[in-house]
Amino acid sequence: MPTRVHEFDWPDRVVVGTIGLPGARTFYLQVRAGSQIVSIAMEKQQSALLAEKIDEILDQLLNVEGNPHSVPTSTPIELVDNDQLEAVQEQFRTGAMSLGWDPTTAQVVIEAYPLADVDAEDDGALEEDGAEVPEMLLVRMPVGTARAFAKRTREVVGAGRPACPLCGYPVDPDGHVCTLPEV
């Protein structure tokens, strides 16, 4: 059965954003090109790791001798995107992801796949015979957009609940029971 690929080669917008209050936020990777918008749910840790690895790829490219690509060391001001997510209609919840570099187009490539364990009552896309259509998200973004994406993602991840200075666990708005590690 062929995989339904949500493909974005030069997206107009690619961001991580959240819906909900700190401690109960849902993270989304949202991509838009023209009127096509795809939103996939992610874990906070997936978002943080994605931003970290994108920065690592871009930083490595800066140090490649004879690198023909102009890689920004920080986010170009014209690419800063602090807007809210657009209308979110979750396509799938992200399971496995891969990240790479395409030197032929000078783009960072993100592939995201849904969680493998799908409930029988899932609202996923169905073929005519009732079988679920496997799908994935494929995003290719230029280096400046990738740098801006990583910066925004780090900010969104960091905007959650503050950490307890004693135990490091998140502090909820309604209080916190500190669980100091035993010495």
N, C-alpha and C. Protein backbone atom coordinates (compact mmCIF):
# COMPACT_ATOMS: atom_id res chain seq x y z
N MET A 1 0.84 -1.16 0.00
CA MET A 1 0.00 0.00 0.00
C MET A 1 0.90 1.24 0.00
N PRO A 2 0.70 2.19 -0.92
CA PRO A 2 1.57 3.36 -0.99
C PRO A 2 1.38 4.29 0.22
N THR A 3 2.47 4.92 0.61
CA THR A 3 2.46 5.86 1.73
C THR A 3 2.01 7.23 1.25
N ARG A 4 1.12 7.85 2.01
CA ARG A 4 0.69 9.22 1.71
C ARG A 4 1.75 10.16 2.30
N VAL A 5 2.45 10.88 1.43
CA VAL A 5 3.54 11.75 1.86
C VAL A 5 3.06 13.20 1.82
N HIS A 6 3.14 13.87 2.97
CA HIS A 6 2.86 15.30 3.06
C HIS A 6 4.21 15.97 2.85
N GLU A 7 4.46 16.42 1.63
CA GLU A 7 5.80 16.89 1.25
C GLU A 7 5.82 18.41 1.09
N PHE A 8 6.85 19.03 1.70
CA PHE A 8 7.05 20.47 1.62
C PHE A 8 8.51 20.71 1.25
N ASP A 9 8.74 21.23 0.03
CA ASP A 9 10.11 21.45 -0.44
C ASP A 9 10.68 22.81 -0.02
N TRP A 10 9.93 23.86 -0.13
CA TRP A 10 10.37 25.20 0.29
C TRP A 10 9.19 25.81 1.04
N PRO A 11 8.92 25.37 2.27
CA PRO A 11 7.72 25.81 2.97
C PRO A 11 7.72 27.31 3.25
N ASP A 12 6.51 27.89 3.25
CA ASP A 12 6.35 29.29 3.63
C ASP A 12 6.56 29.46 5.13
N ARG A 13 6.21 28.41 5.87
CA ARG A 13 6.33 28.46 7.33
C ARG A 13 6.55 27.05 7.86
N VAL A 14 7.47 26.92 8.81
CA VAL A 14 7.67 25.65 9.51
C VAL A 14 8.05 26.01 10.95
N VAL A 15 7.18 25.62 11.90
CA VAL A 15 7.36 26.00 13.30
C VAL A 15 6.92 24.88 14.23
N VAL A 16 7.42 24.95 15.46
CA VAL A 16 6.88 24.16 16.55
C VAL A 16 6.13 25.14 17.43
N GLY A 17 4.92 24.76 17.82
CA GLY A 17 4.11 25.57 18.72
C GLY A 17 3.33 24.67 19.63
N THR A 18 2.59 25.27 20.56
CA THR A 18 1.85 24.47 21.53
C THR A 18 0.42 24.96 21.66
N ILE A 19 -0.40 24.06 22.15
CA ILE A 19 -1.77 24.38 22.54
C ILE A 19 -1.93 23.87 23.97
N GLY A 20 -2.46 24.71 24.83
CA GLY A 20 -2.67 24.32 26.23
C GLY A 20 -1.77 25.08 27.17
N LEU A 21 -1.99 24.86 28.45
CA LEU A 21 -1.23 25.53 29.50
C LEU A 21 0.01 24.72 29.86
N PRO A 22 1.06 25.39 30.37
CA PRO A 22 2.25 24.66 30.79
C PRO A 22 1.88 23.52 31.73
N GLY A 23 2.45 22.38 31.46
CA GLY A 23 2.14 21.17 32.23
C GLY A 23 1.10 20.31 31.52
N ALA A 24 0.36 20.92 30.60
CA ALA A 24 -0.67 20.19 29.86
C ALA A 24 -0.65 20.62 28.39
N ARG A 25 0.53 21.02 27.92
CA ARG A 25 0.64 21.48 26.53
C ARG A 25 0.78 20.30 25.57
N THR A 26 0.24 20.50 24.37
CA THR A 26 0.47 19.58 23.28
C THR A 26 1.35 20.31 22.28
N PHE A 27 2.44 19.69 21.90
CA PHE A 27 3.39 20.28 20.95
C PHE A 27 3.03 19.85 19.54
N TYR A 28 3.12 20.79 18.61
CA TYR A 28 2.84 20.51 17.20
C TYR A 28 3.96 21.02 16.32
N LEU A 29 4.34 20.23 15.34
CA LEU A 29 5.18 20.67 14.24
C LEU A 29 4.20 21.03 13.15
N GLN A 30 4.20 22.31 12.75
CA GLN A 30 3.25 22.77 11.74
C GLN A 30 4.01 23.32 10.54
N VAL A 31 3.59 22.89 9.35
CA VAL A 31 4.22 23.30 8.11
C VAL A 31 3.14 23.83 7.17
N ARG A 32 3.47 24.97 6.49
CA ARG A 32 2.52 25.55 5.54
C ARG A 32 3.25 25.94 4.27
N ALA A 33 2.61 25.63 3.15
CA ALA A 33 3.04 26.10 1.84
C ALA A 33 1.76 26.51 1.12
N GLY A 34 1.61 27.81 0.87
CA GLY A 34 0.36 28.29 0.28
C GLY A 34 -0.79 28.01 1.22
N SER A 35 -1.82 27.34 0.72
CA SER A 35 -2.98 27.03 1.56
C SER A 35 -2.89 25.64 2.20
N GLN A 36 -1.85 24.88 1.88
CA GLN A 36 -1.68 23.55 2.46
C GLN A 36 -1.00 23.66 3.83
N ILE A 37 -1.69 23.18 4.87
CA ILE A 37 -1.14 23.18 6.23
C ILE A 37 -1.22 21.77 6.78
N VAL A 38 -0.12 21.32 7.38
CA VAL A 38 -0.09 20.02 8.05
C VAL A 38 0.45 20.25 9.45
N SER A 39 -0.26 19.69 10.43
CA SER A 39 0.15 19.77 11.84
C SER A 39 0.26 18.36 12.38
N ILE A 40 1.42 18.05 12.97
CA ILE A 40 1.60 16.74 13.58
C ILE A 40 1.97 16.93 15.05
N ALA A 41 1.38 16.12 15.92
CA ALA A 41 1.65 16.21 17.35
C ALA A 41 3.01 15.58 17.64
N MET A 42 3.72 16.19 18.59
CA MET A 42 5.04 15.70 19.00
C MET A 42 5.14 15.74 20.51
N GLU A 43 6.09 15.01 21.04
CA GLU A 43 6.42 15.11 22.45
C GLU A 43 7.36 16.30 22.65
N LYS A 44 7.34 16.85 23.83
CA LYS A 44 8.22 17.98 24.17
C LYS A 44 9.68 17.59 23.92
N GLN A 45 10.05 16.38 24.34
CA GLN A 45 11.43 15.93 24.19
C GLN A 45 11.81 15.78 22.72
N GLN A 46 10.87 15.34 21.89
CA GLN A 46 11.15 15.24 20.45
C GLN A 46 11.43 16.63 19.88
N SER A 47 10.63 17.60 20.30
CA SER A 47 10.81 18.97 19.83
C SER A 47 12.18 19.51 20.23
N ALA A 48 12.54 19.32 21.49
CA ALA A 48 13.82 19.81 21.99
C ALA A 48 14.99 19.15 21.27
N LEU A 49 14.91 17.84 21.09
CA LEU A 49 15.98 17.12 20.42
C LEU A 49 16.09 17.52 18.95
N LEU A 50 14.97 17.74 18.29
CA LEU A 50 14.98 18.16 16.89
C LEU A 50 15.71 19.49 16.75
N ALA A 51 15.40 20.45 17.63
CA ALA A 51 16.07 21.76 17.58
C ALA A 51 17.57 21.61 17.82
N GLU A 52 17.92 20.80 18.81
CA GLU A 52 19.34 20.59 19.14
C GLU A 52 20.09 19.99 17.95
N LYS A 53 19.52 18.97 17.33
CA LYS A 53 20.20 18.29 16.22
C LYS A 53 20.28 19.16 14.96
N ILE A 54 19.26 19.99 14.73
CA ILE A 54 19.33 20.91 13.59
C ILE A 54 20.49 21.89 13.79
N ASP A 55 20.60 22.44 15.00
CA ASP A 55 21.72 23.35 15.27
C ASP A 55 23.05 22.64 15.12
N GLU A 56 23.14 21.39 15.55
CA GLU A 56 24.39 20.63 15.40
C GLU A 56 24.76 20.47 13.93
N ILE A 57 23.78 20.13 13.09
CA ILE A 57 24.06 19.99 11.65
C ILE A 57 24.56 21.31 11.08
N LEU A 58 23.87 22.40 11.39
CA LEU A 58 24.25 23.71 10.85
C LEU A 58 25.62 24.14 11.37
N ASP A 59 25.91 23.88 12.65
CA ASP A 59 27.22 24.22 13.21
C ASP A 59 28.34 23.39 12.57
N GLN A 60 28.06 22.13 12.28
CA GLN A 60 29.05 21.29 11.61
C GLN A 60 29.34 21.81 10.21
N LEU A 61 28.29 22.27 9.52
CA LEU A 61 28.49 22.81 8.17
C LEU A 61 29.36 24.06 8.18
N LEU A 62 29.26 24.85 9.24
CA LEU A 62 30.10 26.05 9.36
C LEU A 62 31.57 25.70 9.40
N ASN A 63 31.89 24.51 9.93
CA ASN A 63 33.28 24.11 10.13
C ASN A 63 33.83 23.24 9.00
N VAL A 64 33.02 22.96 7.99
CA VAL A 64 33.49 22.15 6.87
C VAL A 64 34.35 23.03 5.96
N GLU A 65 35.60 22.59 5.77
CA GLU A 65 36.51 23.35 4.93
C GLU A 65 36.02 23.35 3.49
N GLY A 66 35.96 24.51 2.90
CA GLY A 66 35.51 24.65 1.51
C GLY A 66 34.01 24.52 1.36
N ASN A 67 33.26 24.66 2.44
CA ASN A 67 31.80 24.56 2.38
C ASN A 67 31.25 25.67 1.48
N PRO A 68 30.57 25.31 0.40
CA PRO A 68 30.05 26.33 -0.52
C PRO A 68 28.74 26.97 -0.05
N HIS A 69 28.18 26.48 1.05
CA HIS A 69 26.89 26.97 1.52
C HIS A 69 27.07 28.07 2.57
N SER A 70 26.27 29.11 2.45
CA SER A 70 26.29 30.19 3.42
C SER A 70 25.34 29.83 4.56
N VAL A 71 25.91 29.44 5.70
CA VAL A 71 25.13 29.00 6.85
C VAL A 71 25.18 30.10 7.91
N PRO A 72 24.02 30.61 8.31
CA PRO A 72 24.02 31.66 9.34
C PRO A 72 24.40 31.09 10.71
N THR A 73 25.14 31.88 11.50
CA THR A 73 25.51 31.46 12.84
C THR A 73 24.38 31.71 13.84
N SER A 74 23.46 32.60 13.49
CA SER A 74 22.30 32.87 14.34
C SER A 74 21.08 33.06 13.43
N THR A 75 19.94 33.27 14.04
CA THR A 75 18.70 33.40 13.28
C THR A 75 18.66 34.72 12.53
N PRO A 76 18.51 34.68 11.21
CA PRO A 76 18.33 35.94 10.46
C PRO A 76 17.06 36.64 10.93
N ILE A 77 17.15 37.92 11.24
CA ILE A 77 16.05 38.67 11.84
C ILE A 77 14.78 38.60 10.98
N GLU A 78 14.93 38.57 9.67
CA GLU A 78 13.75 38.53 8.79
C GLU A 78 13.03 37.18 8.82
N LEU A 79 13.65 36.16 9.43
CA LEU A 79 13.04 34.84 9.51
C LEU A 79 12.46 34.52 10.89
N VAL A 80 12.56 35.46 11.83
CA VAL A 80 11.99 35.25 13.16
C VAL A 80 10.47 35.14 13.02
N ASP A 81 9.90 34.10 13.62
CA ASP A 81 8.45 33.85 13.56
C ASP A 81 7.95 33.58 14.97
N ASN A 82 7.29 34.56 15.57
CA ASN A 82 6.75 34.41 16.91
C ASN A 82 5.23 34.33 16.91
N ASP A 83 4.64 34.12 15.74
CA ASP A 83 3.18 34.04 15.64
C ASP A 83 2.68 32.71 16.20
N GLN A 84 1.40 32.71 16.57
CA GLN A 84 0.75 31.51 17.07
C GLN A 84 0.62 30.49 15.93
N LEU A 85 0.32 29.25 16.31
CA LEU A 85 0.02 28.24 15.31
C LEU A 85 -1.23 28.65 14.55
N GLU A 86 -1.29 28.26 13.31
CA GLU A 86 -2.51 28.48 12.53
C GLU A 86 -3.51 27.39 12.94
N ALA A 87 -4.69 27.38 12.36
CA ALA A 87 -5.71 26.39 12.72
C ALA A 87 -5.09 24.99 12.72
N VAL A 88 -5.17 24.31 13.87
CA VAL A 88 -4.53 23.01 14.02
C VAL A 88 -5.54 21.89 13.83
N GLN A 89 -5.25 21.06 12.85
CA GLN A 89 -5.99 19.82 12.66
C GLN A 89 -4.93 18.73 12.62
N GLU A 90 -4.82 17.97 13.72
CA GLU A 90 -3.75 17.00 13.87
C GLU A 90 -3.83 15.92 12.79
N GLN A 91 -2.74 15.79 12.03
CA GLN A 91 -2.65 14.76 10.99
C GLN A 91 -2.31 13.41 11.60
N PHE A 92 -1.32 13.41 12.51
CA PHE A 92 -0.95 12.20 13.24
C PHE A 92 -0.05 12.57 14.40
N ARG A 93 0.16 11.61 15.31
CA ARG A 93 1.08 11.79 16.43
C ARG A 93 2.40 11.16 16.01
N THR A 94 3.46 11.94 16.17
CA THR A 94 4.77 11.53 15.69
C THR A 94 5.37 10.41 16.52
N GLY A 95 5.90 9.42 15.80
CA GLY A 95 6.67 8.35 16.41
C GLY A 95 8.12 8.57 16.04
N ALA A 96 8.59 7.85 15.03
CA ALA A 96 9.97 7.96 14.59
C ALA A 96 10.18 9.21 13.74
N MET A 97 11.38 9.76 13.84
CA MET A 97 11.76 10.91 13.02
C MET A 97 13.17 10.68 12.51
N SER A 98 13.47 11.31 11.38
CA SER A 98 14.85 11.32 10.91
C SER A 98 15.19 12.73 10.47
N LEU A 99 16.46 13.04 10.52
CA LEU A 99 16.94 14.37 10.20
C LEU A 99 18.17 14.22 9.33
N GLY A 100 18.27 15.05 8.31
CA GLY A 100 19.42 14.94 7.42
C GLY A 100 19.73 16.25 6.73
N TRP A 101 20.72 16.19 5.86
CA TRP A 101 21.19 17.34 5.09
C TRP A 101 21.25 16.94 3.63
N ASP A 102 20.66 17.76 2.77
CA ASP A 102 20.70 17.53 1.33
C ASP A 102 21.63 18.56 0.70
N PRO A 103 22.86 18.18 0.38
CA PRO A 103 23.82 19.15 -0.17
C PRO A 103 23.46 19.64 -1.57
N THR A 104 22.65 18.88 -2.29
CA THR A 104 22.29 19.31 -3.64
C THR A 104 21.35 20.51 -3.64
N THR A 105 20.55 20.65 -2.57
CA THR A 105 19.63 21.79 -2.47
C THR A 105 19.98 22.71 -1.30
N ALA A 106 20.99 22.35 -0.51
CA ALA A 106 21.40 23.10 0.68
C ALA A 106 20.23 23.24 1.64
N GLN A 107 19.58 22.10 1.94
CA GLN A 107 18.43 22.11 2.83
C GLN A 107 18.56 21.06 3.92
N VAL A 108 17.99 21.39 5.08
CA VAL A 108 17.84 20.44 6.16
C VAL A 108 16.57 19.65 5.86
N VAL A 109 16.61 18.34 6.05
CA VAL A 109 15.48 17.47 5.72
C VAL A 109 14.97 16.79 6.99
N ILE A 110 13.66 16.95 7.23
CA ILE A 110 13.01 16.29 8.36
C ILE A 110 12.00 15.29 7.81
N GLU A 111 12.05 14.08 8.34
CA GLU A 111 11.04 13.07 8.03
C GLU A 111 10.39 12.68 9.35
N ALA A 112 9.06 12.65 9.38
CA ALA A 112 8.33 12.26 10.59
C ALA A 112 7.31 11.20 10.21
N TYR A 113 7.23 10.18 11.06
CA TYR A 113 6.33 9.06 10.83
C TYR A 113 5.40 8.93 12.03
N PRO A 114 4.18 8.45 11.81
CA PRO A 114 3.27 8.28 12.94
C PRO A 114 3.71 7.15 13.87
N LEU A 115 3.17 7.20 15.09
CA LEU A 115 3.41 6.11 16.02
C LEU A 115 2.99 4.80 15.37
N ALA A 116 3.74 3.75 15.59
CA ALA A 116 3.46 2.47 14.95
C ALA A 116 2.23 1.80 15.52
N ASP A 117 1.96 1.96 16.81
CA ASP A 117 0.84 1.32 17.46
C ASP A 117 -0.42 2.17 17.25
N VAL A 118 -1.24 1.81 16.29
CA VAL A 118 -2.43 2.58 15.96
C VAL A 118 -3.66 1.87 16.48
N ASP A 119 -4.53 2.62 17.17
CA ASP A 119 -5.78 2.05 17.67
C ASP A 119 -6.71 1.71 16.52
N ALA A 120 -7.54 0.73 16.72
CA ALA A 120 -8.48 0.31 15.68
C ALA A 120 -9.51 1.39 15.38
N GLU A 121 -9.79 2.25 16.37
CA GLU A 121 -10.78 3.30 16.16
C GLU A 121 -10.14 4.62 15.77
N ASP A 122 -8.92 4.61 15.29
CA ASP A 122 -8.21 5.82 14.90
C ASP A 122 -8.92 6.50 13.74
N ASP A 123 -8.81 7.82 13.68
CA ASP A 123 -9.43 8.59 12.60
C ASP A 123 -8.52 8.76 11.40
N GLY A 124 -7.49 7.93 11.26
CA GLY A 124 -6.53 8.06 10.17
C GLY A 124 -7.19 7.92 8.81
N ALA A 125 -6.45 8.32 7.77
CA ALA A 125 -6.97 8.24 6.41
C ALA A 125 -7.22 6.79 6.03
N LEU A 126 -8.31 6.55 5.36
CA LEU A 126 -8.67 5.19 4.96
C LEU A 126 -8.76 5.09 3.45
N GLU A 127 -8.36 3.93 2.95
CA GLU A 127 -8.55 3.65 1.53
C GLU A 127 -9.98 3.20 1.31
N GLU A 128 -10.36 3.01 0.07
CA GLU A 128 -11.72 2.59 -0.26
C GLU A 128 -12.09 1.27 0.40
N ASP A 129 -11.12 0.37 0.57
CA ASP A 129 -11.42 -0.94 1.17
C ASP A 129 -11.41 -0.88 2.70
N GLY A 130 -11.23 0.31 3.28
CA GLY A 130 -11.27 0.47 4.72
C GLY A 130 -9.92 0.33 5.40
N ALA A 131 -8.88 0.00 4.65
CA ALA A 131 -7.55 -0.14 5.24
C ALA A 131 -6.95 1.25 5.46
N GLU A 132 -6.19 1.38 6.54
CA GLU A 132 -5.57 2.67 6.83
C GLU A 132 -4.39 2.92 5.90
N VAL A 133 -4.26 4.15 5.42
CA VAL A 133 -3.18 4.55 4.53
C VAL A 133 -2.01 5.01 5.38
N PRO A 134 -0.84 4.39 5.25
CA PRO A 134 0.32 4.88 6.00
C PRO A 134 0.70 6.27 5.48
N GLU A 135 1.18 7.11 6.38
CA GLU A 135 1.55 8.46 5.96
C GLU A 135 2.82 8.91 6.64
N MET A 136 3.38 9.99 6.13
CA MET A 136 4.59 10.58 6.68
C MET A 136 4.64 12.05 6.30
N LEU A 137 5.46 12.82 7.01
CA LEU A 137 5.71 14.22 6.71
C LEU A 137 7.15 14.34 6.26
N LEU A 138 7.36 15.02 5.15
CA LEU A 138 8.69 15.26 4.60
C LEU A 138 8.85 16.76 4.39
N VAL A 139 9.80 17.36 5.12
CA VAL A 139 10.01 18.80 5.05
C VAL A 139 11.46 19.07 4.67
N ARG A 140 11.65 19.91 3.67
CA ARG A 140 12.99 20.38 3.30
C ARG A 140 12.99 21.89 3.50
N MET A 141 13.94 22.36 4.32
CA MET A 141 13.98 23.80 4.58
C MET A 141 15.40 24.33 4.45
N PRO A 142 15.52 25.55 3.90
CA PRO A 142 16.84 26.15 3.74
C PRO A 142 17.48 26.46 5.09
N VAL A 143 18.78 26.71 5.09
CA VAL A 143 19.55 26.85 6.32
C VAL A 143 19.06 27.99 7.21
N GLY A 144 18.70 29.12 6.65
CA GLY A 144 18.21 30.24 7.46
C GLY A 144 16.91 29.89 8.16
N THR A 145 16.01 29.26 7.43
CA THR A 145 14.73 28.82 8.01
C THR A 145 14.98 27.77 9.09
N ALA A 146 15.92 26.88 8.85
CA ALA A 146 16.25 25.83 9.83
C ALA A 146 16.80 26.45 11.10
N ARG A 147 17.66 27.46 10.97
CA ARG A 147 18.23 28.13 12.15
C ARG A 147 17.11 28.83 12.95
N ALA A 148 16.19 29.49 12.23
CA ALA A 148 15.06 30.16 12.88
C ALA A 148 14.14 29.14 13.55
N PHE A 149 13.91 28.02 12.89
CA PHE A 149 13.08 26.95 13.43
C PHE A 149 13.66 26.44 14.75
N ALA A 150 14.95 26.19 14.77
CA ALA A 150 15.61 25.67 15.97
C ALA A 150 15.51 26.67 17.12
N LYS A 151 15.73 27.94 16.84
CA LYS A 151 15.67 28.97 17.89
C LYS A 151 14.27 29.05 18.47
N ARG A 152 13.26 29.13 17.62
CA ARG A 152 11.88 29.22 18.11
C ARG A 152 11.52 27.97 18.92
N THR A 153 11.92 26.81 18.43
CA THR A 153 11.59 25.56 19.12
C THR A 153 12.19 25.53 20.52
N ARG A 154 13.44 25.96 20.66
CA ARG A 154 14.07 26.03 21.99
C ARG A 154 13.29 26.97 22.90
N GLU A 155 12.84 28.10 22.37
CA GLU A 155 12.07 29.06 23.16
C GLU A 155 10.72 28.48 23.59
N VAL A 156 10.04 27.78 22.67
CA VAL A 156 8.74 27.17 23.00
C VAL A 156 8.91 26.09 24.06
N VAL A 157 9.92 25.26 23.92
CA VAL A 157 10.17 24.21 24.90
C VAL A 157 10.49 24.82 26.27
N GLY A 158 11.29 25.89 26.27
CA GLY A 158 11.70 26.53 27.51
C GLY A 158 10.60 27.35 28.19
N ALA A 159 9.49 27.56 27.51
CA ALA A 159 8.41 28.40 28.06
C ALA A 159 7.46 27.62 28.96
N GLY A 160 7.80 26.42 29.29
CA GLY A 160 6.93 25.59 30.13
C GLY A 160 7.05 25.94 31.60
N ARG A 161 6.70 25.00 32.44
CA ARG A 161 6.74 25.20 33.89
C ARG A 161 8.19 25.39 34.34
N PRO A 162 8.40 26.28 35.32
CA PRO A 162 9.76 26.45 35.84
C PRO A 162 10.20 25.21 36.62
N ALA A 163 11.49 24.99 36.67
CA ALA A 163 12.04 23.85 37.39
C ALA A 163 12.30 24.23 38.84
N CYS A 164 12.06 23.30 39.73
CA CYS A 164 12.34 23.48 41.15
C CYS A 164 13.86 23.60 41.32
N PRO A 165 14.34 24.62 42.04
CA PRO A 165 15.79 24.77 42.21
C PRO A 165 16.41 23.68 43.08
N LEU A 166 15.58 22.96 43.85
CA LEU A 166 16.11 21.92 44.72
C LEU A 166 16.16 20.55 44.06
N CYS A 167 15.03 20.15 43.42
CA CYS A 167 14.98 18.79 42.86
C CYS A 167 15.01 18.76 41.34
N GLY A 168 14.73 19.89 40.71
CA GLY A 168 14.78 19.95 39.25
C GLY A 168 13.50 19.55 38.55
N TYR A 169 12.51 19.05 39.29
CA TYR A 169 11.23 18.68 38.68
C TYR A 169 10.39 19.92 38.43
N PRO A 170 9.45 19.85 37.49
CA PRO A 170 8.63 21.03 37.18
C PRO A 170 7.75 21.44 38.36
N VAL A 171 7.56 22.75 38.50
CA VAL A 171 6.71 23.31 39.54
C VAL A 171 5.37 23.67 38.91
N ASP A 172 4.29 23.07 39.41
CA ASP A 172 2.95 23.36 38.90
C ASP A 172 2.45 24.67 39.48
N PRO A 173 1.51 25.34 38.79
CA PRO A 173 0.96 26.60 39.30
C PRO A 173 0.27 26.43 40.65
N ASP A 174 -0.28 25.23 40.92
CA ASP A 174 -0.99 25.01 42.18
C ASP A 174 -0.09 24.44 43.28
N GLY A 175 1.20 24.42 43.07
CA GLY A 175 2.13 23.97 44.10
C GLY A 175 3.05 22.86 43.64
N HIS A 176 3.92 22.45 44.56
CA HIS A 176 4.94 21.47 44.21
C HIS A 176 5.38 20.73 45.48
N VAL A 177 5.42 19.44 45.43
CA VAL A 177 5.96 18.64 46.52
C VAL A 177 7.36 18.23 46.08
N CYS A 178 8.34 18.81 46.74
CA CYS A 178 9.72 18.57 46.37
C CYS A 178 10.15 17.18 46.80
N THR A 179 10.71 16.46 45.84
CA THR A 179 11.20 15.12 46.12
C THR A 179 12.72 15.14 45.98
N LEU A 180 13.36 15.61 47.05
CA LEU A 180 14.82 15.68 47.03
C LEU A 180 15.41 14.29 46.94
N PRO A 181 16.45 14.13 46.13
CA PRO A 181 17.10 12.81 46.05
C PRO A 181 17.77 12.50 47.39
N GLU A 182 17.73 11.24 47.77
CA GLU A 182 18.35 10.82 49.03
C GLU A 182 19.86 10.83 48.88
N VAL A 183 20.50 11.25 49.95
CA VAL A 183 21.97 11.34 49.93
C VAL A 183 22.58 10.18 50.63
